[in-house]
């Protein structure tokens, strides 16, 4: 079983190097993020057979125009699962509704936990 939890997006209130981690209106994916990732992220057979489970945290920046940038693994659990989570997030449509702070679009750091769990 694979979960992508958009309801537990991780953020802190601050602006760091021109990128916010929390804004008045956080960026929004156009669609169902959890469903999209559940369909796009593979749980490799070997890792399932070896009972490797855990959460991979993928971070990226949503730019002022809603495009995704700087996609990377922030915290991994296994090289193969980390790569699969990264590939799944990279399949997301690159256009989001941007984050808004004080009525203006801003760059926002975004983190998605991808959970690999056996039933």
Protein backbone atom coordinates (compact mmCIF):
# COMPACT_ATOMS: atom_id res chain seq x y z
CA UNK A 1 0.00 0.00 0.00
CA UNK A 2 1.26 3.48 -0.81
CA UNK A 3 0.08 6.72 0.70
CA UNK A 4 0.82 10.29 -0.25
CA UNK A 5 -0.46 12.59 2.43
CA UNK A 6 -1.21 16.06 1.20
CA UNK A 7 -3.15 16.74 4.39
CA UNK A 8 0.05 16.59 6.46
CA UNK A 9 2.21 18.92 4.44
CA UNK A 10 5.04 20.15 6.61
CA UNK A 11 5.82 23.84 6.93
CA UNK A 12 7.08 26.47 9.37
CA UNK A 13 6.28 30.18 9.58
CA UNK A 14 9.24 32.07 8.11
CA UNK A 15 10.81 33.38 4.94
CA UNK A 16 14.23 31.97 4.10
CA UNK A 17 16.33 33.23 1.17
CA UNK A 18 13.34 34.61 -0.70
CA UNK A 19 11.31 31.41 -0.20
CA UNK A 20 8.43 31.15 2.27
CA UNK A 21 7.66 28.02 4.24
CA UNK A 22 4.20 29.30 5.23
CA UNK A 23 2.01 31.86 3.49
CA UNK A 24 -1.54 33.17 3.87
CA UNK A 25 -2.74 30.82 1.13
CA UNK A 26 -0.55 27.77 0.57
CA UNK A 27 0.05 26.50 -2.98
CA UNK A 28 -2.56 24.06 -4.26
CA UNK A 29 -2.26 21.14 -6.62
CA UNK A 30 -4.92 21.19 -9.33
CA UNK A 31 -6.57 17.85 -8.54
CA UNK A 32 -6.31 15.11 -5.95
CA UNK A 33 -2.63 14.98 -4.95
CA UNK A 34 -2.91 11.77 -2.91
CA UNK A 35 -4.71 9.91 -5.68
CA UNK A 36 -2.30 11.14 -8.36
CA UNK A 37 0.75 10.02 -6.39
CA UNK A 38 -0.84 6.71 -5.40
CA UNK A 39 -1.28 5.98 -9.11
CA UNK A 40 2.19 7.20 -10.18
CA UNK A 41 4.54 5.99 -7.43
CA UNK A 42 5.56 2.33 -7.70
CA UNK A 43 6.33 0.11 -4.70
CA UNK A 44 9.13 -2.07 -6.12
CA UNK A 45 8.73 -5.83 -5.77
CA UNK A 46 12.14 -6.44 -4.13
CA UNK A 47 11.51 -3.82 -1.46
CA UNK A 48 8.07 -5.31 -0.78
CA UNK A 49 9.57 -8.80 -0.55
CA UNK A 50 12.25 -7.46 1.83
CA UNK A 51 9.50 -5.78 3.92
CA UNK A 52 11.05 -2.33 3.58
CA UNK A 53 8.56 0.27 4.79
CA UNK A 54 8.71 3.89 5.78
CA UNK A 55 8.19 7.46 4.70
CA UNK A 56 10.19 9.36 2.10
CA UNK A 57 9.95 13.15 2.34
CA UNK A 58 10.18 14.97 -0.98
CA UNK A 59 10.68 18.72 -0.98
CA UNK A 60 10.36 21.29 -3.74
CA UNK A 61 9.59 24.93 -4.35
CA UNK A 62 6.40 26.23 -5.92
CA UNK A 63 7.43 29.35 -7.83
CA UNK A 64 5.40 32.56 -8.10
CA UNK A 65 3.99 31.35 -11.45
CA UNK A 66 2.93 27.98 -9.96
CA UNK A 67 5.72 25.89 -11.51
CA UNK A 68 7.66 23.31 -9.47
CA UNK A 69 11.42 23.67 -8.97
CA UNK A 70 14.27 22.13 -6.95
CA UNK A 71 12.59 18.73 -6.41
CA UNK A 72 14.66 16.56 -4.06
CA UNK A 73 14.59 13.89 -1.37
CA UNK A 74 14.73 15.58 2.03
CA UNK A 75 14.67 12.40 4.10
CA UNK A 76 14.83 8.92 2.66
CA UNK A 77 14.52 5.34 3.84
CA UNK A 78 16.05 3.22 1.07
CA UNK A 79 17.80 4.27 -2.16
CA UNK A 80 15.30 2.48 -4.40
CA UNK A 81 12.22 3.73 -2.54
CA UNK A 82 13.69 7.24 -2.40
CA UNK A 83 14.13 7.18 -6.18
CA UNK A 84 10.61 5.86 -6.75
CA UNK A 85 9.12 8.60 -4.58
CA UNK A 86 11.19 11.24 -6.38
CA UNK A 87 10.15 9.91 -9.80
CA UNK A 88 6.49 9.95 -8.76
CA UNK A 89 6.62 13.56 -7.60
CA UNK A 90 8.44 14.56 -10.80
CA UNK A 91 5.45 13.17 -12.75
CA UNK A 92 3.17 15.77 -11.15
CA UNK A 93 1.87 18.39 -13.55
CA UNK A 94 4.29 21.28 -13.17
CA UNK A 95 1.60 23.94 -12.76
CA UNK A 96 0.09 24.58 -9.32
CA UNK A 97 -1.92 27.44 -7.90
CA UNK A 98 0.87 29.53 -6.34
CA UNK A 99 1.13 30.47 -2.69
CA UNK A 100 -0.16 33.92 -1.78
CA UNK A 101 1.25 36.23 0.91
CA UNK A 102 -0.24 39.70 1.44
CA UNK A 103 -2.18 39.38 -1.82
CA UNK A 104 0.89 38.58 -3.94
CA UNK A 105 2.17 35.25 -5.34
CA UNK A 106 5.33 34.12 -3.55
CA UNK A 107 7.86 31.29 -3.75
CA UNK A 108 6.96 28.57 -1.22
CA UNK A 109 8.80 25.47 0.02
CA UNK A 110 6.57 22.42 -0.03
CA UNK A 111 7.14 18.96 1.46
CA UNK A 112 5.22 15.81 0.62
CA UNK A 113 5.52 12.60 2.68
CA UNK A 114 5.31 9.45 0.52
CA UNK A 115 4.49 6.46 2.72
CA UNK A 116 5.49 2.95 1.67
CA UNK A 117 3.56 0.48 3.83
CA UNK A 118 2.82 -3.21 3.45
CA UNK A 119 -0.67 -4.47 4.16
